[in-house]
PDB file of N, CA and C in Angstrom:
ATOM      1  N   MET A   1      22.293  34.520 -97.199  1.00  0.00           N
ATOM      2  CA  MET A   1      21.226  35.197 -96.515  1.00  0.00           C
ATOM      3  C   MET A   1      21.773  36.505 -95.940  1.00  0.00           C
ATOM      4  N   THR A   2      21.185  37.634 -96.352  1.00  0.00           N
ATOM      5  CA  THR A   2      21.628  38.927 -95.866  1.00  0.00           C
ATOM      6  C   THR A   2      20.487  39.640 -95.182  1.00  0.00           C
ATOM      7  N   ASP A   3      20.847  40.442 -94.207  1.00  0.00           N
ATOM      8  CA  ASP A   3      19.840  41.258 -93.535  1.00  0.00           C
ATOM      9  C   ASP A   3      19.575  42.489 -94.372  1.00  0.00           C
ATOM     10  N   ALA A   4      18.302  42.836 -94.532  1.00  0.00           N
ATOM     11  CA  ALA A   4      17.939  44.026 -95.285  1.00  0.00           C
ATOM     12  C   ALA A   4      18.134  45.243 -94.386  1.00  0.00           C
ATOM     13  N   GLN A   5      19.119  46.030 -94.722  1.00  0.00           N
ATOM     14  CA  GLN A   5      19.409  47.241 -93.956  1.00  0.00           C
ATOM     15  C   GLN A   5      18.932  48.444 -94.756  1.00  0.00           C
ATOM     16  N   PRO A   6      18.392  49.443 -94.072  1.00  0.00           N
ATOM     17  CA  PRO A   6      17.982  50.641 -94.806  1.00  0.00           C
ATOM     18  C   PRO A   6      19.183  51.345 -95.416  1.00  0.00           C
ATOM     19  N   ASP A   7      18.981  51.907 -96.584  1.00  0.00           N
ATOM     20  CA  ASP A   7      20.027  52.633 -97.282  1.00  0.00           C
ATOM     21  C   ASP A   7      20.212  53.985 -96.593  1.00  0.00           C
ATOM     22  N   PRO A   8      21.400  54.274 -96.052  1.00  0.00           N
ATOM     23  CA  PRO A   8      21.596  55.549 -95.350  1.00  0.00           C
ATOM     24  C   PRO A   8      21.495  56.766 -96.264  1.00  0.00           C
ATOM     25  N   ALA A   9      21.604  56.573 -97.583  1.00  0.00           N
ATOM     26  CA  ALA A   9      21.518  57.698 -98.506  1.00  0.00           C
ATOM     27  C   ALA A   9      20.070  58.134 -98.730  1.00  0.00           C
ATOM     28  N   VAL A  10      19.131  57.250 -98.394  1.00  0.00           N
ATOM     29  CA  VAL A  10      17.714  57.563 -98.579  1.00  0.00           C
ATOM     30  C   VAL A  10      17.167  58.122 -97.272  1.00  0.00           C
ATOM     31  N   PRO A  11      16.574  59.318 -97.311  1.00  0.00           N
ATOM     32  CA  PRO A  11      16.038  59.877 -96.067  1.00  0.00           C
ATOM     33  C   PRO A  11      14.912  58.999 -95.524  1.00  0.00           C
ATOM     34  N   PRO A  12      14.809  58.903 -94.224  1.00  0.00           N
ATOM     35  CA  PRO A  12      13.762  58.054 -93.650  1.00  0.00           C
ATOM     36  C   PRO A  12      12.375  58.627 -93.941  1.00  0.00           C
ATOM     37  N   THR A  13      11.421  57.743 -94.104  1.00  0.00           N
ATOM     38  CA  THR A  13      10.045  58.188 -94.319  1.00  0.00           C
ATOM     39  C   THR A  13       9.456  58.610 -92.986  1.00  0.00           C
ATOM     40  N   LEU A  14       8.335  59.213 -93.047  1.00  0.00           N
ATOM     41  CA  LEU A  14       7.677  59.691 -91.834  1.00  0.00           C
ATOM     42  C   LEU A  14       6.716  58.633 -91.291  1.00  0.00           C
ATOM     43  N   GLN A  15       7.138  57.371 -91.340  1.00  0.00           N
ATOM     44  CA  GLN A  15       6.287  56.270 -90.921  1.00  0.00           C
ATOM     45  C   GLN A  15       5.850  56.385 -89.467  1.00  0.00           C
ATOM     46  N   ASP A  16       6.672  56.932 -88.633  1.00  0.00           N
ATOM     47  CA  ASP A  16       6.354  57.000 -87.210  1.00  0.00           C
ATOM     48  C   ASP A  16       6.159  58.431 -86.734  1.00  0.00           C
ATOM     49  N   ASP A  17       5.900  59.337 -87.644  1.00  0.00           N
ATOM     50  CA  ASP A  17       5.693  60.730 -87.256  1.00  0.00           C
ATOM     51  C   ASP A  17       4.302  60.884 -86.664  1.00  0.00           C
ATOM     52  N   LYS A  18       4.262  61.125 -85.381  1.00  0.00           N
ATOM     53  CA  LYS A  18       3.003  61.226 -84.647  1.00  0.00           C
ATOM     54  C   LYS A  18       2.528  62.673 -84.525  1.00  0.00           C
ATOM     55  N   THR A  19       3.254  63.604 -85.109  1.00  0.00           N
ATOM     56  CA  THR A  19       2.960  65.022 -84.918  1.00  0.00           C
ATOM     57  C   THR A  19       1.553  65.394 -85.370  1.00  0.00           C
ATOM     58  N   MET A  20       1.176  65.017 -86.583  1.00  0.00           N
ATOM     59  CA  MET A  20      -0.124  65.440 -87.098  1.00  0.00           C
ATOM     60  C   MET A  20      -1.285  64.841 -86.307  1.00  0.00           C
ATOM     61  N   PRO A  21      -1.279  63.550 -85.990  1.00  0.00           N
ATOM     62  CA  PRO A  21      -2.394  63.044 -85.183  1.00  0.00           C
ATOM     63  C   PRO A  21      -2.445  63.691 -83.793  1.00  0.00           C
ATOM     64  N   ILE A  22      -1.293  64.033 -83.235  1.00  0.00           N
ATOM     65  CA  ILE A  22      -1.279  64.728 -81.942  1.00  0.00           C
ATOM     66  C   ILE A  22      -1.946  66.095 -82.095  1.00  0.00           C
ATOM     67  N   ILE A  23      -1.646  66.790 -83.182  1.00  0.00           N
ATOM     68  CA  ILE A  23      -2.250  68.097 -83.424  1.00  0.00           C
ATOM     69  C   ILE A  23      -3.766  67.967 -83.563  1.00  0.00           C
ATOM     70  N   VAL A  24      -4.210  66.920 -84.269  1.00  0.00           N
ATOM     71  CA  VAL A  24      -5.658  66.729 -84.442  1.00  0.00           C
ATOM     72  C   VAL A  24      -6.327  66.474 -83.093  1.00  0.00           C
ATOM     73  N   TYR A  25      -5.744  65.591 -82.282  1.00  0.00           N
ATOM     74  CA  TYR A  25      -6.318  65.346 -80.948  1.00  0.00           C
ATOM     75  C   TYR A  25      -6.334  66.633 -80.122  1.00  0.00           C
ATOM     76  N   ALA A  26      -5.268  67.417 -80.217  1.00  0.00           N
ATOM     77  CA  ALA A  26      -5.206  68.687 -79.478  1.00  0.00           C
ATOM     78  C   ALA A  26      -6.282  69.657 -79.968  1.00  0.00           C
ATOM     79  N   CYS A  27      -6.530  69.667 -81.264  1.00  0.00           N
ATOM     80  CA  CYS A  27      -7.594  70.530 -81.802  1.00  0.00           C
ATOM     81  C   CYS A  27      -8.946  70.132 -81.231  1.00  0.00           C
ATOM     82  N   TYR A  28      -9.176  68.844 -81.092  1.00  0.00           N
ATOM     83  CA  TYR A  28     -10.454  68.387 -80.538  1.00  0.00           C
ATOM     84  C   TYR A  28     -10.600  68.808 -79.080  1.00  0.00           C
ATOM     85  N   ILE A  29      -9.540  68.659 -78.314  1.00  0.00           N
ATOM     86  CA  ILE A  29      -9.600  69.059 -76.907  1.00  0.00           C
ATOM     87  C   ILE A  29      -9.741  70.575 -76.788  1.00  0.00           C
ATOM     88  N   ALA A  30      -9.057  71.298 -77.653  1.00  0.00           N
ATOM     89  CA  ALA A  30      -9.130  72.769 -77.622  1.00  0.00           C
ATOM     90  C   ALA A  30     -10.497  73.284 -78.043  1.00  0.00           C
ATOM     91  N   GLY A  31     -11.324  72.430 -78.594  1.00  0.00           N
ATOM     92  CA  GLY A  31     -12.661  72.824 -79.002  1.00  0.00           C
ATOM     93  C   GLY A  31     -13.499  73.383 -77.864  1.00  0.00           C
ATOM     94  N   TRP A  32     -13.173  73.010 -76.634  1.00  0.00           N
ATOM     95  CA  TRP A  32     -13.861  73.567 -75.467  1.00  0.00           C
ATOM     96  C   TRP A  32     -13.687  75.077 -75.409  1.00  0.00           C
ATOM     97  N   VAL A  33     -12.528  75.543 -75.838  1.00  0.00           N
ATOM     98  CA  VAL A  33     -12.205  76.971 -75.738  1.00  0.00           C
ATOM     99  C   VAL A  33     -12.478  77.697 -77.048  1.00  0.00           C
ATOM    100  N   THR A  34     -12.055  77.099 -78.149  1.00  0.00           N
ATOM    101  CA  THR A  34     -12.106  77.805 -79.427  1.00  0.00           C
ATOM    102  C   THR A  34     -13.418  77.612 -80.174  1.00  0.00           C
ATOM    103  N   GLY A  35     -13.982  76.446 -80.059  1.00  0.00           N
ATOM    104  CA  GLY A  35     -15.196  76.135 -80.799  1.00  0.00           C
ATOM    105  C   GLY A  35     -14.948  75.718 -82.237  1.00  0.00           C
ATOM    106  N   ILE A  36     -13.963  76.297 -82.893  1.00  0.00           N
ATOM    107  CA  ILE A  36     -13.712  76.034 -84.313  1.00  0.00           C
ATOM    108  C   ILE A  36     -12.552  75.057 -84.546  1.00  0.00           C
ATOM    109  N   SER A  37     -11.704  74.866 -83.564  1.00  0.00           N
ATOM    110  CA  SER A  37     -10.517  74.030 -83.786  1.00  0.00           C
ATOM    111  C   SER A  37     -10.833  72.579 -84.179  1.00  0.00           C
ATOM    112  N   PRO A  38     -11.949  71.969 -83.760  1.00  0.00           N
ATOM    113  CA  PRO A  38     -12.236  70.627 -84.269  1.00  0.00           C
ATOM    114  C   PRO A  38     -12.431  70.583 -85.780  1.00  0.00           C
ATOM    115  N   VAL A  39     -12.931  71.655 -86.368  1.00  0.00           N
ATOM    116  CA  VAL A  39     -13.078  71.701 -87.829  1.00  0.00           C
ATOM    117  C   VAL A  39     -11.693  71.669 -88.477  1.00  0.00           C
ATOM    118  N   ILE A  40     -10.772  72.422 -87.915  1.00  0.00           N
ATOM    119  CA  ILE A  40      -9.389  72.405 -88.414  1.00  0.00           C
ATOM    120  C   ILE A  40      -8.802  71.009 -88.249  1.00  0.00           C
ATOM    121  N   GLY A  41      -9.064  70.390 -87.101  1.00  0.00           N
ATOM    122  CA  GLY A  41      -8.562  69.043 -86.831  1.00  0.00           C
ATOM    123  C   GLY A  41      -9.063  68.017 -87.829  1.00  0.00           C
ATOM    124  N   VAL A  42     -10.353  68.044 -88.139  1.00  0.00           N
ATOM    125  CA  VAL A  42     -10.882  67.042 -89.073  1.00  0.00           C
ATOM    126  C   VAL A  42     -10.343  67.266 -90.477  1.00  0.00           C
ATOM    127  N   ILE A  43     -10.138  68.511 -90.866  1.00  0.00           N
ATOM    128  CA  ILE A  43      -9.536  68.786 -92.176  1.00  0.00           C
ATOM    129  C   ILE A  43      -8.124  68.212 -92.227  1.00  0.00           C
ATOM    130  N   LEU A  44      -7.347  68.441 -91.173  1.00  0.00           N
ATOM    131  CA  LEU A  44      -5.993  67.876 -91.111  1.00  0.00           C
ATOM    132  C   LEU A  44      -6.018  66.356 -91.156  1.00  0.00           C
ATOM    133  N   ALA A  45      -6.981  65.751 -90.483  1.00  0.00           N
ATOM    134  CA  ALA A  45      -7.090  64.286 -90.477  1.00  0.00           C
ATOM    135  C   ALA A  45      -7.402  63.764 -91.875  1.00  0.00           C
ATOM    136  N   TYR A  46      -8.341  64.404 -92.569  1.00  0.00           N
ATOM    137  CA  TYR A  46      -8.665  63.983 -93.934  1.00  0.00           C
ATOM    138  C   TYR A  46      -7.463  64.119 -94.862  1.00  0.00           C
ATOM    139  N   VAL A  47      -6.739  65.222 -94.761  1.00  0.00           N
ATOM    140  CA  VAL A  47      -5.594  65.467 -95.635  1.00  0.00           C
ATOM    141  C   VAL A  47      -4.460  64.480 -95.349  1.00  0.00           C
ATOM    142  N   SER A  48      -4.248  64.154 -94.091  1.00  0.00           N
ATOM    143  CA  SER A  48      -3.113  63.314 -93.695  1.00  0.00           C
ATOM    144  C   SER A  48      -3.379  61.824 -93.838  1.00  0.00           C
ATOM    145  N   LYS A  49      -4.617  61.428 -93.852  1.00  0.00           N
ATOM    146  CA  LYS A  49      -4.973  60.007 -93.826  1.00  0.00           C
ATOM    147  C   LYS A  49      -4.425  59.224 -95.011  1.00  0.00           C
ATOM    148  N   ALA A  50      -4.510  59.785 -96.207  1.00  0.00           N
ATOM    149  CA  ALA A  50      -4.152  59.048 -97.419  1.00  0.00           C
ATOM    150  C   ALA A  50      -2.692  58.627 -97.451  1.00  0.00           C
ATOM    151  N   THR A  51      -1.795  59.441 -96.934  1.00  0.00           N
ATOM    152  CA  THR A  51      -0.366  59.141 -97.029  1.00  0.00           C
ATOM    153  C   THR A  51       0.201  58.511 -95.761  1.00  0.00           C
ATOM    154  N   ALA A  52      -0.636  58.295 -94.776  1.00  0.00           N
ATOM    155  CA  ALA A  52      -0.163  57.755 -93.498  1.00  0.00           C
ATOM    156  C   ALA A  52      -0.023  56.238 -93.559  1.00  0.00           C
ATOM    157  N   PRO A  53       0.895  55.693 -92.764  1.00  0.00           N
ATOM    158  CA  PRO A  53       0.967  54.242 -92.656  1.00  0.00           C
ATOM    159  C   PRO A  53      -0.305  53.709 -91.998  1.00  0.00           C
ATOM    160  N   GLU A  54      -0.535  52.428 -92.152  1.00  0.00           N
ATOM    161  CA  GLU A  54      -1.787  51.817 -91.695  1.00  0.00           C
ATOM    162  C   GLU A  54      -2.075  52.058 -90.213  1.00  0.00           C
ATOM    163  N   TRP A  55      -1.053  51.972 -89.384  1.00  0.00           N
ATOM    164  CA  TRP A  55      -1.310  52.134 -87.948  1.00  0.00           C
ATOM    165  C   TRP A  55      -1.749  53.562 -87.626  1.00  0.00           C
ATOM    166  N   LEU A  56      -1.244  54.550 -88.347  1.00  0.00           N
ATOM    167  CA  LEU A  56      -1.683  55.926 -88.141  1.00  0.00           C
ATOM    168  C   LEU A  56      -3.033  56.181 -88.799  1.00  0.00           C
ATOM    169  N   GLN A  57      -3.329  55.478 -89.878  1.00  0.00           N
ATOM    170  CA  GLN A  57      -4.633  55.625 -90.514  1.00  0.00           C
ATOM    171  C   GLN A  57      -5.751  55.262 -89.547  1.00  0.00           C
ATOM    172  N   SER A  58      -5.501  54.299 -88.669  1.00  0.00           N
ATOM    173  CA  SER A  58      -6.533  53.934 -87.692  1.00  0.00           C
ATOM    174  C   SER A  58      -6.857  55.123 -86.787  1.00  0.00           C
ATOM    175  N   HIS A  59      -5.863  55.916 -86.452  1.00  0.00           N
ATOM    176  CA  HIS A  59      -6.098  57.110 -85.633  1.00  0.00           C
ATOM    177  C   HIS A  59      -6.883  58.155 -86.425  1.00  0.00           C
ATOM    178  N   TYR A  60      -6.537  58.322 -87.702  1.00  0.00           N
ATOM    179  CA  TYR A  60      -7.255  59.296 -88.516  1.00  0.00           C
ATOM    180  C   TYR A  60      -8.723  58.885 -88.709  1.00  0.00           C
ATOM    181  N   VAL A  61      -8.970  57.605 -88.934  1.00  0.00           N
ATOM    182  CA  VAL A  61     -10.348  57.119 -89.037  1.00  0.00           C
ATOM    183  C   VAL A  61     -11.094  57.410 -87.737  1.00  0.00           C
ATOM    184  N   PHE A  62     -10.463  57.126 -86.617  1.00  0.00           N
ATOM    185  CA  PHE A  62     -11.050  57.387 -85.297  1.00  0.00           C
ATOM    186  C   PHE A  62     -11.346  58.879 -85.126  1.00  0.00           C
ATOM    187  N   GLN A  63     -10.418  59.721 -85.517  1.00  0.00           N
ATOM    188  CA  GLN A  63     -10.592  61.170 -85.378  1.00  0.00           C
ATOM    189  C   GLN A  63     -11.700  61.693 -86.286  1.00  0.00           C
ATOM    190  N   ILE A  64     -11.755  61.204 -87.504  1.00  0.00           N
ATOM    191  CA  ILE A  64     -12.793  61.639 -88.433  1.00  0.00           C
ATOM    192  C   ILE A  64     -14.168  61.221 -87.928  1.00  0.00           C
ATOM    193  N   ARG A  65     -14.279  59.990 -87.468  1.00  0.00           N
ATOM    194  CA  ARG A  65     -15.560  59.524 -86.918  1.00  0.00           C
ATOM    195  C   ARG A  65     -15.934  60.304 -85.665  1.00  0.00           C
ATOM    196  N   THR A  66     -14.955  60.611 -84.845  1.00  0.00           N
ATOM    197  CA  THR A  66     -15.228  61.404 -83.647  1.00  0.00           C
ATOM    198  C   THR A  66     -15.835  62.747 -84.031  1.00  0.00           C
ATOM    199  N   PHE A  67     -15.270  63.395 -85.032  1.00  0.00           N
ATOM    200  CA  PHE A  67     -15.793  64.692 -85.463  1.00  0.00           C
ATOM    201  C   PHE A  67     -17.245  64.571 -85.924  1.00  0.00           C
ATOM    202  N   TRP A  68     -17.527  63.645 -86.841  1.00  0.00           N
ATOM    203  CA  TRP A  68     -18.868  63.562 -87.415  1.00  0.00           C
ATOM    204  C   TRP A  68     -19.900  63.125 -86.375  1.00  0.00           C
ATOM    205  N   LEU A  69     -19.523  62.204 -85.514  1.00  0.00           N
ATOM    206  CA  LEU A  69     -20.458  61.789 -84.457  1.00  0.00           C
ATOM    207  C   LEU A  69     -20.699  62.926 -83.471  1.00  0.00           C
ATOM    208  N   SER A  70     -19.663  63.708 -83.168  1.00  0.00           N
ATOM    209  CA  SER A  70     -19.857  64.841 -82.253  1.00  0.00           C
ATOM    210  C   SER A  70     -20.700  65.926 -82.915  1.00  0.00           C
ATOM    211  N   LEU A  71     -20.559  66.099 -84.210  1.00  0.00           N
ATOM    212  CA  LEU A  71     -21.398  67.060 -84.918  1.00  0.00           C
ATOM    213  C   LEU A  71     -22.867  66.628 -84.856  1.00  0.00           C
ATOM    214  N   LEU A  72     -23.110  65.349 -85.038  1.00  0.00           N
ATOM    215  CA  LEU A  72     -24.463  64.817 -84.923  1.00  0.00           C
ATOM    216  C   LEU A  72     -25.008  65.018 -83.505  1.00  0.00           C
ATOM    217  N   GLY A  73     -24.198  64.698 -82.501  1.00  0.00           N
ATOM    218  CA  GLY A  73     -24.607  64.902 -81.115  1.00  0.00           C
ATOM    219  C   GLY A  73     -24.825  66.368 -80.797  1.00  0.00           C
ATOM    220  N   GLY A  74     -23.968  67.230 -81.318  1.00  0.00           N
ATOM    221  CA  GLY A  74     -24.123  68.663 -81.104  1.00  0.00           C
ATOM    222  C   GLY A  74     -25.396  69.201 -81.730  1.00  0.00           C
ATOM    223  N   LEU A  75     -25.713  68.717 -82.912  1.00  0.00           N
ATOM    224  CA  LEU A  75     -26.954  69.122 -83.567  1.00  0.00           C
ATOM    225  C   LEU A  75     -28.162  68.679 -82.745  1.00  0.00           C
ATOM    226  N   LEU A  76     -28.119  67.455 -82.251  1.00  0.00           N
ATOM    227  CA  LEU A  76     -29.185  66.965 -81.379  1.00  0.00           C
ATOM    228  C   LEU A  76     -29.302  67.837 -80.133  1.00  0.00           C
ATOM    229  N   GLY A  77     -28.166  68.224 -79.563  1.00  0.00           N
ATOM    230  CA  GLY A  77     -28.169  69.088 -78.389  1.00  0.00           C
ATOM    231  C   GLY A  77     -28.787  70.445 -78.668  1.00  0.00           C
ATOM    232  N   VAL A  78     -28.423  71.036 -79.807  1.00  0.00           N
ATOM    233  CA  VAL A  78     -28.973  72.347 -80.161  1.00  0.00           C
ATOM    234  C   VAL A  78     -30.478  72.245 -80.400  1.00  0.00           C
ATOM    235  N   LEU A  79     -30.908  71.189 -81.070  1.00  0.00           N
ATOM    236  CA  LEU A  79     -32.336  71.039 -81.361  1.00  0.00           C
ATOM    237  C   LEU A  79     -33.170  70.789 -80.104  1.00  0.00           C
ATOM    238  N   THR A  80     -32.551  70.256 -79.071  1.00  0.00           N
ATOM    239  CA  THR A  80     -33.294  69.961 -77.839  1.00  0.00           C
ATOM    240  C   THR A  80     -33.082  71.012 -76.754  1.00  0.00           C
ATOM    241  N   LEU A  81     -32.406  72.091 -77.086  1.00  0.00           N
ATOM    242  CA  LEU A  81     -32.247  73.176 -76.106  1.00  0.00           C
ATOM    243  C   LEU A  81     -33.601  73.719 -75.660  1.00  0.00           C
ATOM    244  N   ILE A  82     -34.539  73.766 -76.565  1.00  0.00           N
ATOM    245  CA  ILE A  82     -35.840  74.353 -76.267  1.00  0.00           C
ATOM    246  C   ILE A  82     -36.625  73.537 -75.230  1.00  0.00           C
ATOM    247  N   ILE A  83     -36.355  72.241 -75.156  1.00  0.00           N
ATOM    248  CA  ILE A  83     -37.081  71.426 -74.179  1.00  0.00           C
ATOM    249  C   ILE A  83     -36.272  71.192 -72.905  1.00  0.00           C
ATOM    250  N   GLY A  84     -35.128  71.823 -72.833  1.00  0.00           N
ATOM    251  CA  GLY A  84     -34.385  71.831 -71.577  1.00  0.00           C
ATOM    252  C   GLY A  84     -33.292  70.802 -71.397  1.00  0.00           C
ATOM    253  N   ILE A  85     -33.152  69.842 -72.313  1.00  0.00           N
ATOM    254  CA  ILE A  85     -32.088  68.854 -72.131  1.00  0.00           C
ATOM    255  C   ILE A  85     -30.905  69.078 -73.063  1.00  0.00           C
ATOM    256  N   GLY A  86     -31.045  70.041 -73.936  1.00  0.00           N
ATOM    257  CA  GLY A  86     -29.991  70.298 -74.911  1.00  0.00           C
ATOM    258  C   GLY A  86     -28.656  70.663 -74.297  1.00  0.00           C
ATOM    259  N   ALA A  87     -28.679  71.463 -73.242  1.00  0.00           N
ATOM    260  CA  ALA A  87     -27.429  71.864 -72.594  1.00  0.00           C
ATOM    261  C   ALA A  87     -26.705  70.645 -72.022  1.00  0.00           C
ATOM    262  N   LEU A  88     -27.451  69.729 -71.449  1.00  0.00           N
ATOM    263  CA  LEU A  88     -26.847  68.503 -70.912  1.00  0.00           C
ATOM    264  C   LEU A  88     -26.242  67.661 -72.034  1.00  0.00           C
ATOM    265  N   ILE A  89     -26.951  67.585 -73.141  1.00  0.00           N
ATOM    266  CA  ILE A  89     -26.445  66.817 -74.281  1.00  0.00           C
ATOM    267  C   ILE A  89     -25.168  67.456 -74.820  1.00  0.00           C
ATOM    268  N   LEU A  90     -25.148  68.778 -74.925  1.00  0.00           N
ATOM    269  CA  LEU A  90     -23.957  69.461 -75.431  1.00  0.00           C
ATOM    270  C   LEU A  90     -22.752  69.254 -74.521  1.00  0.00           C
ATOM    271  N   VAL A  91     -22.960  69.315 -73.221  1.00  0.00           N
ATOM    272  CA  VAL A  91     -21.862  69.069 -72.280  1.00  0.00           C
ATOM    273  C   VAL A  91     -21.408  67.613 -72.389  1.00  0.00           C
ATOM    274  N   ALA A  92     -22.365  66.689 -72.492  1.00  0.00           N
ATOM    275  CA  ALA A  92     -22.017  65.267 -72.620  1.00  0.00           C
ATOM    276  C   ALA A  92     -21.212  65.011 -73.895  1.00  0.00           C
ATOM    277  N   VAL A  93     -21.587  65.653 -74.985  1.00  0.00           N
ATOM    278  CA  VAL A  93     -20.851  65.495 -76.244  1.00  0.00           C
ATOM    279  C   VAL A  93     -19.432  66.030 -76.086  1.00  0.00           C
ATOM    280  N   GLY A  94     -19.288  67.176 -75.432  1.00  0.00           N
ATOM    281  CA  GLY A  94     -17.951  67.736 -75.204  1.00  0.00           C
ATOM    282  C   GLY A  94     -17.075  66.817 -74.369  1.00  0.00           C
ATOM    283  N   ILE A  95     -17.655  66.243 -73.325  1.00  0.00           N
ATOM    284  CA  ILE A  95     -16.901  65.298 -72.492  1.00  0.00           C
ATOM    285  C   ILE A  95     -16.541  64.060 -73.297  1.00  0.00           C
ATOM    286  N   TRP A  96     -17.484  63.572 -74.086  1.00  0.00           N
ATOM    287  CA  TRP A  96     -17.262  62.377 -74.918  1.00  0.00           C
ATOM    288  C   TRP A  96     -16.100  62.597 -75.889  1.00  0.00           C
ATOM    289  N   VAL A  97     -16.080  63.760 -76.549  1.00  0.00           N
ATOM    290  CA  VAL A  97     -14.995  64.079 -77.489  1.00  0.00           C
ATOM    291  C   VAL A  97     -13.663  64.141 -76.749  1.00  0.00           C
ATOM    292  N   THR A  98     -13.648  64.785 -75.584  1.00  0.00           N
ATOM    293  CA  THR A  98     -12.411  64.921 -74.814  1.00  0.00           C
ATOM    294  C   THR A  98     -11.885  63.562 -74.373  1.00  0.00           C
ATOM    295  N   VAL A  99     -12.767  62.705 -73.895  1.00  0.00           N
ATOM    296  CA  VAL A  99     -12.347  61.362 -73.465  1.00  0.00           C
ATOM    297  C   VAL A  99     -11.803  60.576 -74.654  1.00  0.00           C
ATOM    298  N   ARG A 100     -12.505  60.638 -75.774  1.00  0.00           N
ATOM    299  CA  ARG A 100     -12.016  59.922 -76.965  1.00  0.00           C
ATOM    300  C   ARG A 100     -10.653  60.445 -77.403  1.00  0.00           C
ATOM    301  N   ALA A 101     -10.459  61.754 -77.344  1.00  0.00           N
ATOM    302  CA  ALA A 101      -9.170  62.323 -77.736  1.00  0.00           C
ATOM    303  C   ALA A 101      -8.060  61.874 -76.791  1.00  0.00           C
ATOM    304  N   ILE A 102      -8.340  61.841 -75.504  1.00  0.00           N
ATOM    305  CA  ILE A 102      -7.331  61.416 -74.529  1.00  0.00           C
ATOM    306  C   ILE A 102      -6.994  59.943 -74.709  1.00  0.00           C
ATOM    307  N   VAL A 103      -8.005  59.116 -74.891  1.00  0.00           N
ATOM    308  CA  VAL A 103      -7.760  57.685 -75.102  1.00  0.00           C
ATOM    309  C   VAL A 103      -6.990  57.469 -76.405  1.00  0.00           C
ATOM    310  N   GLY A 104      -7.363  58.204 -77.450  1.00  0.00           N
ATOM    311  CA  GLY A 104      -6.635  58.101 -78.712  1.00  0.00           C
ATOM    312  C   GLY A 104      -5.179  58.511 -78.573  1.00  0.00           C
ATOM    313  N   LEU A 105      -4.953  59.583 -77.826  1.00  0.00           N
ATOM    314  CA  LEU A 105      -3.579  60.028 -77.567  1.00  0.00           C
ATOM    315  C   LEU A 105      -2.769  58.961 -76.843  1.00  0.00           C
ATOM    316  N   GLN A 106      -3.401  58.279 -75.905  1.00  0.00           N
ATOM    317  CA  GLN A 106      -2.686  57.231 -75.168  1.00  0.00           C
ATOM    318  C   GLN A 106      -2.220  56.125 -76.108  1.00  0.00           C
ATOM    319  N   TRP A 107      -3.103  55.689 -77.006  1.00  0.00           N
ATOM    320  CA  TRP A 107      -2.707  54.660 -77.971  1.00  0.00           C
ATOM    321  C   TRP A 107      -1.625  55.177 -78.907  1.00  0.00           C
ATOM    322  N   LEU A 108      -1.781  56.420 -79.348  1.00  0.00           N
ATOM    323  CA  LEU A 108      -0.819  57.014 -80.273  1.00  0.00           C
ATOM    324  C   LEU A 108       0.561  57.132 -79.645  1.00  0.00           C
ATOM    325  N   LEU A 109       0.623  57.606 -78.426  1.00  0.00           N
ATOM    326  CA  LEU A 109       1.919  57.798 -77.769  1.00  0.00           C
ATOM    327  C   LEU A 109       2.604  56.475 -77.434  1.00  0.00           C
ATOM    328  N   LYS A 110       1.840  55.390 -77.374  1.00  0.00           N
ATOM    329  CA  LYS A 110       2.429  54.054 -77.211  1.00  0.00           C
ATOM    330  C   LYS A 110       2.932  53.526 -78.555  1.00  0.00           C
ATOM    331  N   GLY A 111       2.611  54.257 -79.636  1.00  0.00           N
ATOM    332  CA  GLY A 111       3.045  53.826 -80.963  1.00  0.00           C
ATOM    333  C   GLY A 111       2.202  52.707 -81.532  1.00  0.00           C
ATOM    334  N   GLU A 112       0.947  52.625 -81.087  1.00  0.00           N
ATOM    335  CA  GLU A 112       0.071  51.540 -81.526  1.00  0.00           C
ATOM    336  C   GLU A 112      -1.124  52.092 -82.290  1.00  0.00           C
ATOM    337  N   ALA A 113      -1.642  51.250 -83.179  1.00  0.00           N
ATOM    338  CA  ALA A 113      -2.858  51.601 -83.907  1.00  0.00           C
ATOM    339  C   ALA A 113      -4.021  51.675 -82.930  1.00  0.00           C
ATOM    340  N   TYR A 114      -5.005  52.499 -83.254  1.00  0.00           N
ATOM    341  CA  TYR A 114      -6.202  52.527 -82.410  1.00  0.00           C
ATOM    342  C   TYR A 114      -6.955  51.230 -82.687  1.00  0.00           C
ATOM    343  N   PRO A 115      -7.267  50.443 -81.640  1.00  0.00           N
ATOM    344  CA  PRO A 115      -7.790  49.096 -81.860  1.00  0.00           C
ATOM    345  C   PRO A 115      -9.195  49.033 -82.471  1.00  0.00           C
ATOM    346  N   THR A 116     -10.047  49.996 -82.143  1.00  0.00           N
ATOM    347  CA  THR A 116     -11.433  49.948 -82.633  1.00  0.00           C
ATOM    348  C   THR A 116     -11.847  51.331 -83.158  1.00  0.00           C
ATOM    349  N   PRO A 117     -11.271  51.758 -84.277  1.00  0.00           N
ATOM    350  CA  PRO A 117     -11.512  53.130 -84.733  1.00  0.00           C
ATOM    351  C   PRO A 117     -12.934  53.408 -85.196  1.00  0.00           C
ATOM    352  N   ARG A 118     -13.706  52.378 -85.479  1.00  0.00           N
ATOM    353  CA  ARG A 118     -15.053  52.593 -85.988  1.00  0.00           C
ATOM    354  C   ARG A 118     -16.126  52.482 -84.913  1.00  0.00           C
ATOM    355  N   ASN A 119     -15.745  52.273 -83.665  1.00  0.00           N
ATOM    356  CA  ASN A 119     -16.713  52.195 -82.575  1.00  0.00           C
ATOM    357  C   ASN A 119     -17.311  53.555 -82.272  1.00  0.00           C
ATOM    358  N   TRP A 120     -18.520  53.540 -81.730  1.00  0.00           N
ATOM    359  CA  TRP A 120     -19.195  54.777 -81.345  1.00  0.00           C
ATOM    360  C   TRP A 120     -18.687  55.289 -80.011  1.00  0.00           C
ATOM    361  N   MET A 121     -18.361  54.406 -79.122  1.00  0.00           N
ATOM    362  CA  MET A 121     -17.930  54.839 -77.790  1.00  0.00           C
ATOM    363  C   MET A 121     -16.406  54.971 -77.744  1.00  0.00           C
ATOM    364  N   LEU A 122     -15.727  53.969 -77.289  1.00  0.00           N
ATOM    365  CA  LEU A 122     -14.264  54.001 -77.237  1.00  0.00           C
ATOM    366  C   LEU A 122     -13.763  52.793 -77.970  1.00  0.00           C
TER     367      LEU A 122
END
């Protein structure tokens, strides 16, 4: 019985590289200032998802869903601006995205998969 040791001649894979999901979460938070950075973030999430290990894929699924749900909420906010509640909806969507990004970052920095990536709330 032998212990399976990694071969030192083979470079380590990026199994635990948290850089890209951190960048995506940062893009979502920066959306308050830039407006366009969440689009960059979702593109990065789509590109990175396929080659990521399963635990990181949960973060990418969460990030992708966050983008599309926020786009839906933002559209609802814009359409209801004329009746006076749109601004409140837009601010609520921005807060919702920021909270989701912060919670996602917390799970990511602990090195854990996001537990419920397909939920609407958290």
